[in-house]
Amino acid sequence: VLTGPVYDPDGVAVSLPTETPHRVPDGFLKLIANREGAIAAFRFDQQTPVGVHHCERRATLEELQQATGLRFFPQLSSPPQASLYAKLGCQ
């Protein structure tokens, strides 16, 4: 399981009024993978309602890579293709 912040380069930087200035992420991602090469990817924006079901926030690996500028699973010759969504309760 990998989770982390997403910062929109074109977004409005929101800061918290604290002694140490820092930028609030525009959202966060969650990427779940297993040893068999199956994955599930999710992206949650700051405006995502508290009670939203995680399945409603599905994303693709490519979308997460584009949003973060990161390349996940760089050691693999091709990205994982199998899905974990059904095992996570997503139809």
C-alpha atoms as a PDB file:
ATOM      1  CA  VAL A   1       0.000   0.000   0.000  1.00  0.00           C
ATOM      2  CA  LEU A   2       1.305   3.384  -0.999  1.00  0.00           C
ATOM      3  CA  THR A   3      -0.359   6.628  -0.048  1.00  0.00           C
ATOM      4  CA  GLY A   4       0.761  10.194  -0.451  1.00  0.00           C
ATOM      5  CA  PRO A   5      -0.118  13.778  -1.275  1.00  0.00           C
ATOM      6  CA  VAL A   6      -1.111  15.187  -4.644  1.00  0.00           C
ATOM      7  CA  TYR A   7      -0.235  18.801  -5.437  1.00  0.00           C
ATOM      8  CA  ASP A   8      -1.852  20.422  -8.466  1.00  0.00           C
ATOM      9  CA  PRO A   9       0.785  22.630 -10.136  1.00  0.00           C
ATOM     10  CA  ASP A  10      -2.003  24.857 -11.504  1.00  0.00           C
ATOM     11  CA  GLY A  11      -4.005  24.871  -8.285  1.00  0.00           C
ATOM     12  CA  VAL A  12      -4.301  27.631  -5.753  1.00  0.00           C
ATOM     13  CA  ALA A  13      -1.829  27.046  -2.944  1.00  0.00           C
ATOM     14  CA  VAL A  14      -3.720  26.785   0.338  1.00  0.00           C
ATOM     15  CA  SER A  15      -1.726  27.210   3.523  1.00  0.00           C
ATOM     16  CA  LEU A  16      -2.615  26.601   7.120  1.00  0.00           C
ATOM     17  CA  PRO A  17      -2.192  29.429   9.655  1.00  0.00           C
ATOM     18  CA  THR A  18       0.576  27.806  11.672  1.00  0.00           C
ATOM     19  CA  GLU A  19       3.940  28.908  12.997  1.00  0.00           C
ATOM     20  CA  THR A  20       5.665  26.799  10.347  1.00  0.00           C
ATOM     21  CA  PRO A  21       4.288  27.618   6.897  1.00  0.00           C
ATOM     22  CA  HIS A  22       3.426  24.656   4.707  1.00  0.00           C
ATOM     23  CA  ARG A  23       1.162  23.978   1.761  1.00  0.00           C
ATOM     24  CA  VAL A  24      -1.945  21.865   2.121  1.00  0.00           C
ATOM     25  CA  PRO A  25      -2.061  19.074  -0.498  1.00  0.00           C
ATOM     26  CA  ASP A  26      -4.785  19.333  -3.129  1.00  0.00           C
ATOM     27  CA  GLY A  27      -5.609  15.703  -2.444  1.00  0.00           C
ATOM     28  CA  PHE A  28      -4.036  12.345  -1.827  1.00  0.00           C
ATOM     29  CA  LEU A  29      -3.603   9.028  -3.567  1.00  0.00           C
ATOM     30  CA  LYS A  30      -3.765   5.436  -2.461  1.00  0.00           C
ATOM     31  CA  LEU A  31      -2.226   2.665  -4.536  1.00  0.00           C
ATOM     32  CA  ILE A  32      -2.645  -0.973  -3.519  1.00  0.00           C
ATOM     33  CA  ALA A  33      -0.694  -3.795  -5.164  1.00  0.00           C
ATOM     34  CA  ASN A  34      -0.107  -7.458  -4.468  1.00  0.00           C
ATOM     35  CA  ARG A  35       2.714  -9.839  -5.331  1.00  0.00           C
ATOM     36  CA  GLU A  36       0.730 -11.321  -8.199  1.00  0.00           C
ATOM     37  CA  GLY A  37       0.790  -7.989 -10.033  1.00  0.00           C
ATOM     38  CA  ALA A  38      -2.772  -6.822  -9.394  1.00  0.00           C
ATOM     39  CA  ILE A  39      -3.408  -3.196  -8.435  1.00  0.00           C
ATOM     40  CA  ALA A  40      -6.103  -0.754  -7.424  1.00  0.00           C
ATOM     41  CA  ALA A  41      -5.647   3.013  -7.515  1.00  0.00           C
ATOM     42  CA  PHE A  42      -7.653   5.773  -5.867  1.00  0.00           C
ATOM     43  CA  ARG A  43      -7.454   9.563  -5.796  1.00  0.00           C
ATOM     44  CA  PHE A  44      -9.184  11.744  -3.221  1.00  0.00           C
ATOM     45  CA  ASP A  45      -9.386  15.519  -3.654  1.00  0.00           C
ATOM     46  CA  GLN A  46      -9.682  17.898  -0.698  1.00  0.00           C
ATOM     47  CA  GLN A  47     -13.333  18.451  -1.640  1.00  0.00           C
ATOM     48  CA  THR A  48     -14.163  14.721  -1.427  1.00  0.00           C
ATOM     49  CA  PRO A  49     -17.042  14.314   1.054  1.00  0.00           C
ATOM     50  CA  VAL A  50     -16.225  12.451   4.267  1.00  0.00           C
ATOM     51  CA  GLY A  51     -18.669   9.577   3.669  1.00  0.00           C
ATOM     52  CA  VAL A  52     -17.812   8.875   0.039  1.00  0.00           C
ATOM     53  CA  HIS A  53     -17.199   5.208  -0.749  1.00  0.00           C
ATOM     54  CA  HIS A  54     -13.623   4.566  -1.864  1.00  0.00           C
ATOM     55  CA  CYS A  55     -14.860   2.829  -5.028  1.00  0.00           C
ATOM     56  CA  GLU A  56     -16.258   6.152  -6.245  1.00  0.00           C
ATOM     57  CA  ARG A  57     -12.733   7.583  -6.284  1.00  0.00           C
ATOM     58  CA  ARG A  58     -11.091   4.998  -8.544  1.00  0.00           C
ATOM     59  CA  ALA A  59      -8.224   6.199 -10.704  1.00  0.00           C
ATOM     60  CA  THR A  60      -5.777   4.614 -13.096  1.00  0.00           C
ATOM     61  CA  LEU A  61      -2.099   4.139 -12.475  1.00  0.00           C
ATOM     62  CA  GLU A  62      -1.440   6.526 -15.361  1.00  0.00           C
ATOM     63  CA  GLU A  63      -3.651   9.214 -13.796  1.00  0.00           C
ATOM     64  CA  LEU A  64      -1.758   8.981 -10.511  1.00  0.00           C
ATOM     65  CA  GLN A  65       1.593   9.126 -12.270  1.00  0.00           C
ATOM     66  CA  GLN A  66       0.501  12.174 -14.244  1.00  0.00           C
ATOM     67  CA  ALA A  67      -0.893  13.906 -11.139  1.00  0.00           C
ATOM     68  CA  THR A  68       2.268  13.349  -9.094  1.00  0.00           C
ATOM     69  CA  GLY A  69       5.042  13.320 -11.668  1.00  0.00           C
ATOM     70  CA  LEU A  70       6.165   9.982 -10.207  1.00  0.00           C
ATOM     71  CA  ARG A  71       6.668   6.657 -11.950  1.00  0.00           C
ATOM     72  CA  PHE A  72       5.358   3.790  -9.874  1.00  0.00           C
ATOM     73  CA  PHE A  73       6.887   0.318 -10.267  1.00  0.00           C
ATOM     74  CA  PRO A  74       9.898   1.535 -12.281  1.00  0.00           C
ATOM     75  CA  GLN A  75      11.601  -1.865 -11.949  1.00  0.00           C
ATOM     76  CA  LEU A  76       8.847  -3.605 -13.961  1.00  0.00           C
ATOM     77  CA  SER A  77       9.106  -3.873 -17.737  1.00  0.00           C
ATOM     78  CA  SER A  78       5.358  -3.207 -18.001  1.00  0.00           C
ATOM     79  CA  PRO A  79       2.966  -1.806 -15.384  1.00  0.00           C
ATOM     80  CA  PRO A  80       0.622  -4.148 -13.484  1.00  0.00           C
ATOM     81  CA  GLN A  81      -2.613  -4.841 -15.388  1.00  0.00           C
ATOM     82  CA  ALA A  82      -4.715  -7.105 -13.153  1.00  0.00           C
ATOM     83  CA  SER A  83      -7.313  -5.478 -10.906  1.00  0.00           C
ATOM     84  CA  LEU A  84      -7.828  -5.657  -7.144  1.00  0.00           C
ATOM     85  CA  TYR A  85     -11.027  -3.601  -7.214  1.00  0.00           C
ATOM     86  CA  ALA A  86     -13.403  -6.581  -6.790  1.00  0.00           C
ATOM     87  CA  LYS A  87     -11.432  -7.817  -3.778  1.00  0.00           C
ATOM     88  CA  LEU A  88     -11.782  -4.332  -2.269  1.00  0.00           C
ATOM     89  CA  GLY A  89     -15.553  -4.311  -2.638  1.00  0.00           C
ATOM     90  CA  CYS A  90     -15.783  -2.355  -5.899  1.00  0.00           C
ATOM     91  CA  GLN A  91     -18.103  -3.631  -8.622  1.00  0.00           C
END
